[in-house]
Amino acid sequence: MADIQGRYEFNPTIITVEDEETTALLRRAEGSNAAMLWAGALFSEKQLHPMALDVANSLASEGVTSLLLKYRKPYELPASIRDTQAAATHLINQRFERIALVGHSFSGAVVISAGTKYDAVVAVAALASQTFGAVTAGHLAPRSLLLIHGTEDTRLSPYCSEQIYSWAKRPKELRFIDGASHGFSEHRSEVFQILTMWLLKNLKTDH
């Protein structure tokens, strides 16, 4: 954790959930009232989702704060949804007025479910999402929804994002990344560009 903090200007943050605690890393942008919450981005004290750092630092340069969340019980859907909602509440209590939720794979369904609860959540992005737990996409509007999926994903078929897209109401966007696998490893720059520009469009009123 110390290496991440020192190199990327992240600060550890405690999120209280149902009389328990989980951790997150905060990348604050001064004077910001907009924030990205990446659910499940923090795997362990020294391991983050590989794209989350880059997106958070790019957003910080544009005046958007980021919170990268660690789950108490990874891959337990109800608990992870509650963790994400608690983290969103933390941001709202810190006077952030526009919040975007981001999640990859399992966490795609987490952010879709968690995103329906708060008016301050204006956008939800699900990368290579599973369908289980994501049927609530039909209740996200008027929040913006972005779905990104690789055409060569063998872990979760691109059909998953097609199905979620069919459940959702507008505004919604579905982007397929030709040749990309589940982790987008060889197409990271393309996904980074799409996601970052979409987040700025939805979080910054001057974009």
Protein backbone atom coordinates (compact mmCIF):
# COMPACT_ATOMS: atom_id res chain seq x y z
CA MET A 1 0.00 0.00 0.00
CA ALA A 2 2.83 2.41 0.84
CA ASP A 3 4.32 2.11 -2.66
CA ILE A 4 0.96 2.87 -4.27
CA GLN A 5 0.37 5.84 -1.97
CA GLY A 6 3.80 7.32 -2.50
CA ARG A 7 3.88 6.95 -6.24
CA TYR A 8 0.32 7.86 -7.10
CA GLU A 9 -0.76 10.26 -4.31
CA PHE A 10 -3.47 7.96 -2.99
CA ASN A 11 -4.63 8.15 0.61
CA PRO A 12 -6.05 5.17 2.54
CA THR A 13 -9.69 5.60 3.53
CA ILE A 14 -11.82 3.54 5.88
CA ILE A 15 -15.39 2.76 4.78
CA THR A 16 -17.79 1.62 7.50
CA VAL A 17 -20.30 -1.03 6.44
CA GLU A 18 -22.76 -2.55 8.91
CA ASP A 19 -20.47 -2.10 11.94
CA GLU A 20 -17.55 -3.54 9.95
CA GLU A 21 -14.84 -1.79 7.99
CA THR A 22 -13.32 -2.08 4.57
CA THR A 23 -10.60 -0.06 2.92
CA ALA A 24 -10.32 2.16 -0.11
CA LEU A 25 -7.76 4.42 -1.74
CA LEU A 26 -8.70 8.03 -2.37
CA ARG A 27 -7.14 10.09 -5.18
CA ARG A 28 -8.45 13.55 -4.42
CA ALA A 29 -8.64 16.36 -6.94
CA GLU A 30 -8.64 19.75 -5.25
CA GLY A 31 -11.90 21.67 -5.51
CA SER A 32 -13.69 18.70 -7.04
CA ASN A 33 -17.40 17.99 -6.62
CA ALA A 34 -17.30 14.99 -8.99
CA ALA A 35 -15.96 11.52 -8.24
CA MET A 36 -15.46 8.09 -9.74
CA LEU A 37 -15.99 5.08 -7.47
CA TRP A 38 -14.34 1.93 -8.87
CA ALA A 39 -15.88 -0.99 -6.99
CA GLY A 40 -13.59 -3.93 -6.33
CA ALA A 41 -10.55 -2.08 -7.69
CA LEU A 42 -8.45 -2.83 -4.62
CA PHE A 43 -7.68 -6.56 -4.52
CA SER A 44 -5.19 -6.45 -1.64
CA GLU A 45 -2.96 -3.94 0.10
CA LYS A 46 -0.50 -3.99 -2.80
CA GLN A 47 -2.61 -5.02 -5.78
CA LEU A 48 -5.06 -2.89 -7.74
CA HIS A 49 -7.05 -3.40 -10.90
CA PRO A 50 -4.43 -2.54 -13.55
CA MET A 51 -6.58 0.04 -15.33
CA ALA A 52 -7.97 1.72 -12.21
CA LEU A 53 -4.73 3.54 -11.38
CA ASP A 54 -4.40 4.99 -14.86
CA VAL A 55 -8.02 6.11 -15.02
CA ALA A 56 -7.88 7.65 -11.54
CA ASN A 57 -4.74 9.63 -12.32
CA SER A 58 -6.11 10.81 -15.64
CA LEU A 59 -9.33 11.96 -13.99
CA ALA A 60 -7.41 13.76 -11.23
CA SER A 61 -5.66 15.87 -13.85
CA GLU A 62 -9.13 16.91 -15.05
CA GLY A 63 -10.42 17.77 -11.57
CA VAL A 64 -12.24 14.52 -10.76
CA THR A 65 -11.63 12.62 -7.51
CA SER A 66 -11.44 8.79 -7.48
CA LEU A 67 -12.15 6.22 -4.77
CA LEU A 68 -10.88 2.67 -5.37
CA LEU A 69 -12.77 0.22 -3.17
CA LYS A 70 -11.84 -3.13 -1.63
CA TYR A 71 -14.68 -5.55 -0.84
CA ARG A 72 -15.01 -7.14 2.59
CA LYS A 73 -16.15 -10.41 1.01
CA PRO A 74 -15.06 -10.58 -2.64
CA TYR A 75 -17.47 -12.36 -4.97
CA GLU A 76 -20.36 -12.27 -2.50
CA LEU A 77 -22.82 -10.15 -4.45
CA PRO A 78 -25.12 -8.77 -1.71
CA ALA A 79 -22.17 -7.87 0.55
CA SER A 80 -20.28 -6.24 -2.33
CA ILE A 81 -23.33 -4.18 -3.28
CA ARG A 82 -23.60 -2.96 0.31
CA ASP A 83 -19.88 -2.11 0.34
CA THR A 84 -20.30 -0.07 -2.83
CA GLN A 85 -23.37 1.72 -1.50
CA ALA A 86 -21.50 2.54 1.71
CA ALA A 87 -18.62 3.96 -0.33
CA ALA A 88 -21.05 6.04 -2.39
CA THR A 89 -22.61 7.33 0.84
CA HIS A 90 -19.10 8.24 2.05
CA LEU A 91 -18.55 10.34 -1.08
CA ILE A 92 -21.96 11.99 -0.78
CA ASN A 93 -21.20 12.88 2.84
CA GLN A 94 -17.97 14.46 1.58
CA ARG A 95 -20.17 16.72 -0.61
CA PHE A 96 -19.52 15.08 -3.96
CA GLU A 97 -22.52 15.91 -6.11
CA ARG A 98 -21.83 13.88 -9.25
CA ILE A 99 -20.61 10.29 -8.91
CA ALA A 100 -19.87 7.59 -11.49
CA LEU A 101 -19.59 3.92 -10.56
CA VAL A 102 -17.22 1.61 -12.44
CA GLY A 103 -16.87 -2.16 -12.16
CA HIS A 104 -15.26 -5.00 -14.12
CA SER A 105 -16.62 -8.55 -14.49
CA PHE A 106 -18.42 -9.51 -11.25
CA SER A 107 -18.20 -5.87 -10.20
CA GLY A 108 -20.11 -4.81 -13.30
CA ALA A 109 -23.22 -6.35 -11.79
CA VAL A 110 -22.33 -4.83 -8.41
CA VAL A 111 -22.26 -1.26 -9.72
CA ILE A 112 -25.40 -1.74 -11.79
CA SER A 113 -27.27 -2.87 -8.69
CA ALA A 114 -25.72 -0.27 -6.39
CA GLY A 115 -26.20 2.58 -8.84
CA THR A 116 -29.97 2.68 -8.63
CA LYS A 117 -30.05 3.93 -5.02
CA TYR A 118 -28.62 7.46 -5.15
CA ASP A 119 -29.56 10.57 -7.12
CA ALA A 120 -25.92 11.69 -6.91
CA VAL A 121 -24.91 8.69 -9.04
CA VAL A 122 -25.20 10.04 -12.58
CA ALA A 123 -23.37 7.31 -14.52
CA VAL A 124 -22.50 3.61 -14.32
CA ALA A 125 -19.85 1.79 -16.39
CA ALA A 126 -19.70 -2.01 -16.48
CA LEU A 127 -16.72 -3.67 -18.18
CA ALA A 128 -17.11 -7.29 -19.32
CA SER A 129 -19.98 -7.67 -16.88
CA GLN A 130 -21.81 -10.78 -15.80
CA THR A 131 -25.59 -10.80 -16.09
CA PHE A 132 -26.30 -12.29 -12.65
CA GLY A 133 -27.30 -9.39 -10.44
CA ALA A 134 -27.51 -6.93 -13.33
CA VAL A 135 -31.21 -7.11 -14.18
CA THR A 136 -31.62 -3.87 -12.22
CA ALA A 137 -30.11 -2.15 -15.26
CA GLY A 138 -33.74 -1.51 -16.16
CA HIS A 139 -33.95 0.91 -13.21
CA LEU A 140 -30.77 2.92 -13.84
CA ALA A 141 -32.29 5.60 -16.08
CA PRO A 142 -31.96 8.56 -16.17
CA ARG A 143 -28.38 7.67 -15.24
CA SER A 144 -26.05 7.00 -18.16
CA LEU A 145 -24.92 3.39 -18.68
CA LEU A 146 -21.77 2.32 -20.52
CA LEU A 147 -21.13 -1.34 -21.32
CA ILE A 148 -17.77 -2.45 -22.75
CA HIS A 149 -17.04 -6.05 -23.74
CA GLY A 150 -14.35 -7.86 -25.69
CA THR A 151 -15.47 -9.94 -28.65
CA GLU A 152 -13.04 -12.73 -27.65
CA ASP A 153 -14.06 -12.91 -23.99
CA THR A 154 -14.23 -16.62 -23.13
CA ARG A 155 -14.97 -16.12 -19.43
CA LEU A 156 -18.12 -14.03 -19.82
CA SER A 157 -19.62 -14.00 -23.30
CA PRO A 158 -20.21 -10.67 -25.05
CA TYR A 159 -23.85 -11.75 -25.00
CA CYS A 160 -23.87 -10.79 -21.30
CA SER A 161 -23.45 -7.11 -22.16
CA GLU A 162 -25.96 -7.43 -25.00
CA GLN A 163 -28.49 -8.81 -22.52
CA ILE A 164 -27.84 -6.05 -20.00
CA TYR A 165 -28.14 -3.47 -22.77
CA SER A 166 -31.55 -4.89 -23.68
CA TRP A 167 -32.71 -4.53 -20.07
CA ALA A 168 -31.54 -0.94 -19.73
CA LYS A 169 -33.33 2.21 -20.80
CA ARG A 170 -31.68 5.20 -22.44
CA PRO A 171 -29.21 6.81 -22.06
CA LYS A 172 -27.12 3.70 -22.70
CA GLU A 173 -24.12 2.74 -24.81
CA LEU A 174 -22.64 -0.64 -25.75
CA ARG A 175 -19.08 -0.82 -27.08
CA PHE A 176 -17.48 -4.02 -28.32
CA ILE A 177 -13.68 -4.20 -28.41
CA ASP A 178 -12.71 -6.33 -31.39
CA GLY A 179 -10.37 -9.17 -30.44
CA ALA A 180 -10.26 -8.31 -26.74
CA SER A 181 -10.32 -10.96 -24.02
CA HIS A 182 -11.94 -10.70 -20.58
CA GLY A 183 -9.17 -8.59 -19.06
CA PHE A 184 -8.67 -6.30 -22.10
CA SER A 185 -4.91 -6.78 -21.58
CA GLU A 186 -3.88 -6.18 -25.20
CA HIS A 187 -6.51 -3.49 -25.72
CA ARG A 188 -6.03 -1.59 -22.51
CA SER A 189 -5.27 1.76 -24.12
CA GLU A 190 -8.43 1.60 -26.24
CA VAL A 191 -10.64 0.78 -23.25
CA PHE A 192 -8.87 3.42 -21.16
CA GLN A 193 -9.60 6.06 -23.78
CA ILE A 194 -13.26 5.13 -24.18
CA LEU A 195 -13.89 4.90 -20.44
CA THR A 196 -12.02 8.06 -19.45
CA MET A 197 -13.68 10.24 -22.08
CA TRP A 198 -17.11 8.86 -21.19
CA LEU A 199 -16.54 9.50 -17.48
CA LEU A 200 -15.46 13.08 -18.11
CA LYS A 201 -18.46 13.68 -20.34
CA ASN A 202 -20.81 12.54 -17.58
CA LEU A 203 -19.01 13.98 -14.56
CA LYS A 204 -17.76 17.32 -15.83
CA THR A 205 -20.42 19.79 -16.88
CA ASP A 206 -17.92 21.64 -19.10
CA HIS A 207 -17.22 18.54 -21.26
